[in-house]
């Protein structure tokens, strides 16, 4: 059984396909999440420094820096913090070495096409694993 989304849980969504990114963001926002959408790994890393998300959802196949490169950069800059990451890809033939690296870096892997309920379940699961009932919700303060 899945829990309801935490109020003000923040998600950074990194997707280079604008149409798909907007669709994912709409689904997540309709479930009560605060969503920040970026189109590149570098923009995602910049946004993460500002908003400190509860979870990151990242496309694997992106121009310049792919999802694996993004994860290496993220983990290097995080220090002791390990933000939960869901990597989404349409590439069902990912090499076993790539899958192993994603797992070592603490990322969950989901394959496209991904249905809205699957996307929400992945986000909820990652947030639930890192927050307990006594953890206050995260909010972005400007």
Protein backbone atom coordinates (compact mmCIF):
# COMPACT_ATOMS: atom_id res chain seq x y z
CA UNK A 1 0.00 0.00 0.00
CA UNK A 2 1.38 3.40 -0.93
CA UNK A 3 1.29 6.42 1.30
CA UNK A 4 -0.05 9.78 0.26
CA UNK A 5 2.57 12.25 -0.96
CA UNK A 6 4.07 14.45 1.70
CA UNK A 7 2.93 18.00 1.45
CA UNK A 8 5.67 20.16 0.00
CA UNK A 9 7.92 17.24 -0.97
CA UNK A 10 10.12 18.62 -3.74
CA UNK A 11 11.12 16.82 -6.92
CA UNK A 12 13.71 17.92 -9.46
CA UNK A 13 12.82 16.41 -12.82
CA UNK A 14 15.53 16.32 -15.51
CA UNK A 15 14.12 15.47 -18.93
CA UNK A 16 15.38 16.78 -22.28
CA UNK A 17 12.12 15.93 -24.10
CA UNK A 18 10.00 19.00 -23.36
CA UNK A 19 6.65 17.30 -24.03
CA UNK A 20 7.46 14.30 -21.86
CA UNK A 21 8.98 16.48 -19.13
CA UNK A 22 5.84 18.62 -18.99
CA UNK A 23 3.64 15.50 -18.86
CA UNK A 24 5.71 14.00 -16.01
CA UNK A 25 5.67 17.31 -14.13
CA UNK A 26 1.89 17.63 -14.53
CA UNK A 27 1.34 14.12 -13.11
CA UNK A 28 3.62 14.76 -10.14
CA UNK A 29 2.15 18.20 -9.41
CA UNK A 30 -1.39 16.80 -9.53
CA UNK A 31 -0.34 14.43 -6.73
CA UNK A 32 0.77 17.35 -4.54
CA UNK A 33 4.50 17.50 -5.23
CA UNK A 34 6.48 20.68 -5.87
CA UNK A 35 8.24 19.99 -9.19
CA UNK A 36 11.19 21.80 -10.76
CA UNK A 37 11.72 20.80 -14.41
CA UNK A 38 15.08 21.17 -16.16
CA UNK A 39 16.21 19.98 -19.59
CA UNK A 40 19.89 19.17 -19.01
CA UNK A 41 22.05 17.47 -16.41
CA UNK A 42 23.98 20.70 -15.77
CA UNK A 43 20.79 22.72 -15.24
CA UNK A 44 19.54 19.95 -12.94
CA UNK A 45 22.70 20.09 -10.83
CA UNK A 46 22.34 23.87 -10.53
CA UNK A 47 18.69 23.56 -9.49
CA UNK A 48 19.48 20.85 -6.93
CA UNK A 49 21.93 23.17 -5.16
CA UNK A 50 19.10 25.67 -4.68
CA UNK A 51 16.02 23.60 -3.90
CA UNK A 52 17.50 20.51 -2.11
CA UNK A 53 14.86 18.08 -3.44
CA UNK A 54 13.31 15.09 -1.70
CA UNK A 55 13.87 13.04 -4.86
CA UNK A 56 15.34 13.48 -8.34
CA UNK A 57 13.84 11.92 -11.46
CA UNK A 58 16.31 11.90 -14.33
CA UNK A 59 16.20 10.77 -17.93
CA UNK A 60 19.09 8.48 -18.90
CA UNK A 61 19.60 9.51 -22.53
CA UNK A 62 20.31 13.24 -22.59
CA UNK A 63 22.61 15.36 -24.74
CA UNK A 64 26.13 16.11 -23.47
CA UNK A 65 25.84 14.37 -20.07
CA UNK A 66 23.74 11.21 -19.70
CA UNK A 67 22.03 9.99 -16.54
CA UNK A 68 25.09 8.06 -15.37
CA UNK A 69 27.35 11.08 -15.79
CA UNK A 70 24.78 13.16 -13.95
CA UNK A 71 24.76 10.70 -11.03
CA UNK A 72 28.55 10.72 -10.73
CA UNK A 73 28.55 14.52 -10.66
CA UNK A 74 25.67 14.62 -8.18
CA UNK A 75 27.25 12.18 -5.74
CA UNK A 76 30.57 14.05 -5.90
CA UNK A 77 28.93 17.36 -4.97
CA UNK A 78 26.57 16.02 -2.29
CA UNK A 79 29.07 15.09 0.38
CA UNK A 80 27.28 13.03 3.05
CA UNK A 81 23.81 13.62 1.62
CA UNK A 82 22.47 11.01 -0.84
CA UNK A 83 19.37 12.32 -2.55
CA UNK A 84 17.19 9.49 -3.88
CA UNK A 85 17.27 9.27 -7.68
CA UNK A 86 15.01 7.51 -10.16
CA UNK A 87 16.56 7.11 -13.61
CA UNK A 88 14.03 6.70 -16.41
CA UNK A 89 14.98 5.38 -19.83
CA UNK A 90 13.50 3.94 -22.98
CA UNK A 91 16.71 2.01 -23.57
CA UNK A 92 15.75 -1.52 -22.52
CA UNK A 93 19.12 -2.86 -23.68
CA UNK A 94 21.23 -1.07 -21.09
CA UNK A 95 24.53 -2.82 -20.48
CA UNK A 96 24.77 -4.80 -17.21
CA UNK A 97 27.79 -2.69 -16.23
CA UNK A 98 25.70 0.49 -16.57
CA UNK A 99 22.90 -1.04 -14.50
CA UNK A 100 25.43 -2.05 -11.83
CA UNK A 101 26.87 1.48 -11.72
CA UNK A 102 23.39 2.98 -11.37
CA UNK A 103 22.70 0.64 -8.47
CA UNK A 104 26.06 1.43 -6.81
CA UNK A 105 25.21 5.11 -7.06
CA UNK A 106 21.88 4.48 -5.34
CA UNK A 107 19.55 5.05 -8.28
CA UNK A 108 16.37 3.15 -9.02
CA UNK A 109 15.85 2.30 -12.69
CA UNK A 110 12.50 2.50 -14.50
CA UNK A 111 11.80 1.92 -18.18
CA UNK A 112 9.69 3.98 -20.57
CA UNK A 113 6.95 3.92 -21.40
CA UNK A 114 6.11 4.62 -17.79
CA UNK A 115 2.50 5.04 -16.77
CA UNK A 116 1.52 7.92 -14.46
CA UNK A 117 0.77 5.59 -11.54
CA UNK A 118 4.20 3.94 -11.96
CA UNK A 119 5.91 7.33 -11.94
CA UNK A 120 4.04 8.36 -8.80
CA UNK A 121 4.81 5.03 -7.11
CA UNK A 122 8.52 5.40 -7.87
CA UNK A 123 8.57 8.93 -6.42
CA UNK A 124 6.57 7.93 -3.33
CA UNK A 125 8.76 4.91 -2.66
CA UNK A 126 11.98 6.92 -2.86
CA UNK A 127 10.61 9.65 -0.61
CA UNK A 128 9.22 7.14 1.90
CA UNK A 129 12.57 5.33 2.10
CA UNK A 130 14.42 8.49 3.09
CA UNK A 131 11.86 10.10 5.38
CA UNK A 132 10.27 8.79 8.49
CA UNK A 133 7.01 9.84 10.12
CA UNK A 134 8.85 12.40 12.27
CA UNK A 135 10.69 14.04 9.37
CA UNK A 136 9.36 17.52 8.67
CA UNK A 137 8.38 18.25 5.06
CA UNK A 138 10.92 20.10 2.96
CA UNK A 139 9.98 23.48 1.57
CA UNK A 140 11.72 25.79 -0.78
CA UNK A 141 12.19 29.20 0.81
CA UNK A 142 13.08 32.20 -1.32
